[in-house]
Amino acid sequence: MPSRHLEVGFEGGSVLRLTVPEERLGDISAVLADGSGWKTIDAEEGEYRLNLGKLLYTRVEPGEVSQVGFGGG
């Protein structure tokens, strides 16, 4: 399943970088666009609860997340 990196920036300069499934980006963008309260985002790194009142920006990196590793065969 293709994934994308999503950066979420907050007041004070903190940035959270998450890896999310490509097909969920629209749903996540809609949740973040609400702009108020606490919202939960599920990412490959775990579950995050975000205070949208402190949210300044979101950024989706272009292209699919590349998987680097060694495969056994």
N, C-alpha and C. Protein backbone atom coordinates (compact mmCIF):
# COMPACT_ATOMS: atom_id res chain seq x y z
N MET A 1 0.85 -1.17 0.00
CA MET A 1 0.00 0.00 0.00
C MET A 1 0.90 1.24 0.00
N PRO A 2 0.75 2.13 -0.99
CA PRO A 2 1.57 3.34 -1.07
C PRO A 2 1.31 4.27 0.12
N SER A 3 2.37 4.90 0.58
CA SER A 3 2.29 5.83 1.71
C SER A 3 2.89 7.17 1.32
N ARG A 4 2.52 8.20 2.07
CA ARG A 4 3.07 9.55 1.87
C ARG A 4 3.46 10.12 3.22
N HIS A 5 4.45 11.01 3.21
CA HIS A 5 4.82 11.73 4.42
C HIS A 5 3.94 12.96 4.56
N LEU A 6 3.42 13.15 5.74
CA LEU A 6 2.58 14.30 6.08
C LEU A 6 3.27 15.05 7.20
N GLU A 7 3.55 16.33 7.00
CA GLU A 7 4.12 17.17 8.05
C GLU A 7 3.02 18.05 8.62
N VAL A 8 2.97 18.13 9.94
CA VAL A 8 1.99 18.94 10.64
C VAL A 8 2.78 19.93 11.50
N GLY A 9 2.59 21.22 11.26
CA GLY A 9 3.33 22.24 11.98
C GLY A 9 2.45 22.94 13.00
N PHE A 10 3.04 23.23 14.17
CA PHE A 10 2.30 23.83 15.28
C PHE A 10 2.93 25.15 15.71
N GLU A 11 2.16 25.94 16.45
CA GLU A 11 2.69 27.16 17.07
C GLU A 11 3.94 26.81 17.86
N GLY A 12 4.91 27.68 17.82
CA GLY A 12 6.15 27.44 18.56
C GLY A 12 7.20 26.73 17.73
N GLY A 13 6.86 26.29 16.53
CA GLY A 13 7.83 25.70 15.63
C GLY A 13 7.92 24.19 15.63
N SER A 14 7.14 23.51 16.45
CA SER A 14 7.19 22.04 16.45
C SER A 14 6.58 21.50 15.16
N VAL A 15 7.24 20.48 14.61
CA VAL A 15 6.75 19.82 13.40
C VAL A 15 6.68 18.33 13.67
N LEU A 16 5.56 17.74 13.33
CA LEU A 16 5.34 16.30 13.46
C LEU A 16 5.31 15.72 12.07
N ARG A 17 6.15 14.72 11.82
CA ARG A 17 6.19 14.08 10.50
C ARG A 17 5.63 12.67 10.61
N LEU A 18 4.56 12.43 9.86
CA LEU A 18 3.86 11.15 9.92
C LEU A 18 3.89 10.47 8.56
N THR A 19 3.78 9.16 8.56
CA THR A 19 3.65 8.39 7.33
C THR A 19 2.24 7.82 7.30
N VAL A 20 1.48 8.21 6.28
CA VAL A 20 0.07 7.81 6.21
C VAL A 20 -0.22 7.16 4.85
N PRO A 21 -1.18 6.24 4.83
CA PRO A 21 -1.55 5.62 3.55
C PRO A 21 -2.07 6.66 2.56
N GLU A 22 -1.65 6.55 1.33
CA GLU A 22 -2.03 7.50 0.28
C GLU A 22 -3.55 7.68 0.19
N GLU A 23 -4.30 6.58 0.28
CA GLU A 23 -5.75 6.68 0.11
C GLU A 23 -6.46 7.35 1.28
N ARG A 24 -5.75 7.57 2.39
CA ARG A 24 -6.37 8.23 3.56
C ARG A 24 -6.06 9.72 3.63
N LEU A 25 -5.23 10.24 2.72
CA LEU A 25 -4.85 11.65 2.78
C LEU A 25 -6.05 12.59 2.73
N GLY A 26 -7.03 12.30 1.89
CA GLY A 26 -8.22 13.14 1.80
C GLY A 26 -9.00 13.18 3.10
N ASP A 27 -9.17 12.03 3.73
CA ASP A 27 -9.88 11.97 5.02
C ASP A 27 -9.12 12.73 6.10
N ILE A 28 -7.80 12.55 6.14
CA ILE A 28 -6.99 13.23 7.14
C ILE A 28 -7.02 14.73 6.92
N SER A 29 -6.93 15.17 5.67
CA SER A 29 -7.00 16.60 5.37
C SER A 29 -8.32 17.20 5.82
N ALA A 30 -9.42 16.48 5.63
CA ALA A 30 -10.73 16.96 6.06
C ALA A 30 -10.80 17.10 7.57
N VAL A 31 -10.24 16.14 8.29
CA VAL A 31 -10.22 16.20 9.76
C VAL A 31 -9.41 17.40 10.23
N LEU A 32 -8.23 17.61 9.62
CA LEU A 32 -7.37 18.72 10.04
C LEU A 32 -7.96 20.07 9.65
N ALA A 33 -8.73 20.13 8.58
CA ALA A 33 -9.33 21.39 8.12
C ALA A 33 -10.40 21.89 9.08
N ASP A 34 -10.92 21.01 9.93
CA ASP A 34 -11.94 21.41 10.91
C ASP A 34 -11.43 22.56 11.76
N GLY A 35 -10.17 22.51 12.15
CA GLY A 35 -9.52 23.63 12.82
C GLY A 35 -9.82 23.83 14.29
N SER A 36 -10.56 22.94 14.93
CA SER A 36 -10.84 23.15 16.35
C SER A 36 -10.87 21.82 17.09
N GLY A 37 -10.56 21.90 18.37
CA GLY A 37 -10.63 20.72 19.22
C GLY A 37 -9.47 19.76 19.02
N TRP A 38 -9.63 18.60 19.61
CA TRP A 38 -8.63 17.53 19.52
C TRP A 38 -9.11 16.50 18.52
N LYS A 39 -8.22 16.06 17.64
CA LYS A 39 -8.53 15.04 16.63
C LYS A 39 -7.48 13.95 16.70
N THR A 40 -7.88 12.74 16.35
CA THR A 40 -6.98 11.59 16.33
C THR A 40 -6.60 11.26 14.90
N ILE A 41 -5.30 11.06 14.69
CA ILE A 41 -4.78 10.67 13.39
C ILE A 41 -4.04 9.35 13.57
N ASP A 42 -4.38 8.36 12.76
CA ASP A 42 -3.66 7.08 12.76
C ASP A 42 -2.61 7.11 11.66
N ALA A 43 -1.37 6.83 12.05
CA ALA A 43 -0.25 6.80 11.11
C ALA A 43 0.53 5.51 11.33
N GLU A 44 1.47 5.24 10.43
CA GLU A 44 2.30 4.05 10.59
C GLU A 44 3.09 4.09 11.90
N GLU A 45 3.42 5.28 12.37
CA GLU A 45 4.21 5.43 13.59
C GLU A 45 3.38 5.26 14.86
N GLY A 46 2.06 5.29 14.74
CA GLY A 46 1.18 5.12 15.89
C GLY A 46 -0.02 6.05 15.79
N GLU A 47 -0.74 6.18 16.90
CA GLU A 47 -1.93 7.04 16.96
C GLU A 47 -1.54 8.35 17.62
N TYR A 48 -1.95 9.46 17.01
CA TYR A 48 -1.63 10.79 17.52
C TYR A 48 -2.90 11.57 17.77
N ARG A 49 -2.95 12.27 18.91
CA ARG A 49 -4.05 13.19 19.20
C ARG A 49 -3.49 14.59 19.06
N LEU A 50 -4.11 15.37 18.15
CA LEU A 50 -3.60 16.70 17.82
C LEU A 50 -4.57 17.77 18.28
N ASN A 51 -4.03 18.83 18.87
CA ASN A 51 -4.83 20.00 19.25
C ASN A 51 -4.85 20.93 18.04
N LEU A 52 -5.96 20.94 17.32
CA LEU A 52 -6.04 21.71 16.08
C LEU A 52 -6.03 23.21 16.32
N GLY A 53 -6.29 23.64 17.54
CA GLY A 53 -6.21 25.06 17.86
C GLY A 53 -4.79 25.60 17.79
N LYS A 54 -3.80 24.72 17.82
CA LYS A 54 -2.39 25.10 17.76
C LYS A 54 -1.77 24.80 16.40
N LEU A 55 -2.57 24.25 15.48
CA LEU A 55 -2.08 23.86 14.17
C LEU A 55 -1.86 25.09 13.29
N LEU A 56 -0.68 25.17 12.66
CA LEU A 56 -0.39 26.26 11.73
C LEU A 56 -0.42 25.83 10.27
N TYR A 57 0.09 24.63 9.99
CA TYR A 57 0.10 24.19 8.60
C TYR A 57 0.21 22.68 8.51
N THR A 58 -0.12 22.18 7.31
CA THR A 58 0.16 20.79 6.98
C THR A 58 0.84 20.78 5.63
N ARG A 59 1.65 19.78 5.40
CA ARG A 59 2.37 19.65 4.14
C ARG A 59 2.45 18.17 3.78
N VAL A 60 2.09 17.85 2.54
CA VAL A 60 2.21 16.49 2.04
C VAL A 60 3.37 16.48 1.06
N GLU A 61 4.36 15.63 1.33
CA GLU A 61 5.49 15.53 0.42
C GLU A 61 5.05 14.88 -0.88
N PRO A 62 5.56 15.37 -2.00
CA PRO A 62 5.18 14.78 -3.28
C PRO A 62 5.77 13.38 -3.43
N GLY A 63 5.05 12.55 -4.13
CA GLY A 63 5.56 11.20 -4.43
C GLY A 63 5.36 10.23 -3.30
N GLU A 64 5.54 9.00 -3.64
CA GLU A 64 5.35 7.88 -2.71
C GLU A 64 6.58 7.75 -1.81
N VAL A 65 6.38 7.28 -0.58
CA VAL A 65 7.48 7.02 0.33
C VAL A 65 8.24 5.82 -0.19
N SER A 66 9.56 5.99 -0.37
CA SER A 66 10.34 4.86 -0.85
C SER A 66 10.76 3.97 0.31
N GLN A 67 10.73 2.70 0.06
CA GLN A 67 11.12 1.72 1.08
C GLN A 67 12.51 1.22 0.72
N VAL A 68 13.48 1.50 1.59
CA VAL A 68 14.83 1.06 1.37
C VAL A 68 15.10 -0.10 2.31
N GLY A 69 15.65 -1.16 1.78
CA GLY A 69 15.93 -2.31 2.61
C GLY A 69 16.46 -3.46 1.79
N PHE A 70 16.65 -4.56 2.43
CA PHE A 70 17.18 -5.73 1.76
C PHE A 70 16.14 -6.84 1.84
N GLY A 71 15.88 -7.44 0.74
CA GLY A 71 14.91 -8.53 0.69
C GLY A 71 15.63 -9.87 0.60
N GLY A 72 15.08 -10.82 1.29
CA GLY A 72 15.63 -12.16 1.18
C GLY A 72 14.90 -12.93 0.09
N GLY A 73 15.57 -13.75 -0.59
CA GLY A 73 14.88 -14.40 -1.67
C GLY A 73 15.23 -15.76 -1.90
